[in-house]
Amino acid sequence: MINGVLVERTVKDVVPALKTNAEGLKKVLDDLVKQYKTKQDDLEKWKVGYWISSILNADLDG
């Protein structure tokens, strides 16, 4: 069903679109993981710069 209209498509028509969508999603996921790691590194640098430690780290150290 596309936009409320029932359509018939063959596997030959659908598979290339699915492969393209899967590749696009993989690329987006990879980009998001890179952004997450960058933000995580930035946060750790900020915490070190301002002498901030979490409660979990304090409990493990103490």
Protein backbone atom coordinates (compact mmCIF):
# COMPACT_ATOMS: atom_id res chain seq x y z
CA MET A 1 0.00 0.00 0.00
CA ILE A 2 1.47 3.33 -1.08
CA ASN A 3 -0.33 6.54 -0.07
CA GLY A 4 -3.47 4.56 0.64
CA VAL A 5 -3.47 2.85 -2.76
CA LEU A 6 -2.97 -0.88 -3.00
CA VAL A 7 -0.27 -1.60 -5.58
CA GLU A 8 1.35 -4.73 -6.91
CA ARG A 9 5.11 -4.73 -7.31
CA THR A 10 7.41 -7.55 -8.20
CA VAL A 11 10.49 -8.61 -6.29
CA LYS A 12 12.55 -7.31 -9.21
CA ASP A 13 11.11 -3.82 -8.57
CA VAL A 14 11.34 -3.90 -4.79
CA VAL A 15 14.78 -5.42 -4.10
CA PRO A 16 16.86 -2.55 -5.58
CA ALA A 17 14.87 -0.01 -3.59
CA LEU A 18 15.33 -2.05 -0.40
CA LYS A 19 19.09 -2.32 -1.01
CA THR A 20 19.32 1.44 -1.55
CA ASN A 21 17.32 2.10 1.62
CA ALA A 22 19.45 -0.33 3.63
CA GLU A 23 22.68 1.31 2.41
CA GLY A 24 21.30 4.74 3.27
CA LEU A 25 20.29 3.62 6.75
CA LYS A 26 23.72 2.07 7.33
CA LYS A 27 25.41 5.32 6.31
CA VAL A 28 23.16 7.36 8.60
CA LEU A 29 23.80 4.97 11.49
CA ASP A 30 27.56 5.15 10.95
CA ASP A 31 27.40 8.96 10.93
CA LEU A 32 25.36 8.99 14.14
CA VAL A 33 27.81 6.64 15.86
CA LYS A 34 30.70 8.93 14.87
CA GLN A 35 28.81 11.96 16.21
CA TYR A 36 28.03 10.12 19.44
CA LYS A 37 31.65 9.13 19.97
CA THR A 38 32.79 12.70 19.29
CA LYS A 39 30.30 14.10 21.80
CA GLN A 40 31.28 11.46 24.34
CA ASP A 41 34.97 12.39 23.94
CA ASP A 42 34.11 16.09 24.24
CA LEU A 43 32.17 15.39 27.44
CA GLU A 44 35.05 13.44 28.94
CA LYS A 45 37.49 16.26 28.12
CA TRP A 46 35.09 18.78 29.66
CA LYS A 47 34.73 16.67 32.81
CA VAL A 48 38.50 16.38 33.17
CA GLY A 49 38.95 20.11 32.54
CA TYR A 50 36.51 21.04 35.32
CA TRP A 51 37.47 18.21 37.69
CA ILE A 52 34.06 16.59 37.49
CA SER A 53 33.55 12.94 38.33
CA SER A 54 30.34 11.00 38.46
CA ILE A 55 29.00 9.34 41.58
CA LEU A 56 29.73 5.94 40.06
CA ASN A 57 33.39 6.84 39.54
CA ALA A 58 33.65 8.18 43.09
CA ASP A 59 32.18 4.96 44.51
CA LEU A 60 34.56 2.81 42.50
CA ASP A 61 37.59 4.88 43.51
CA GLY A 62 36.75 5.21 47.13
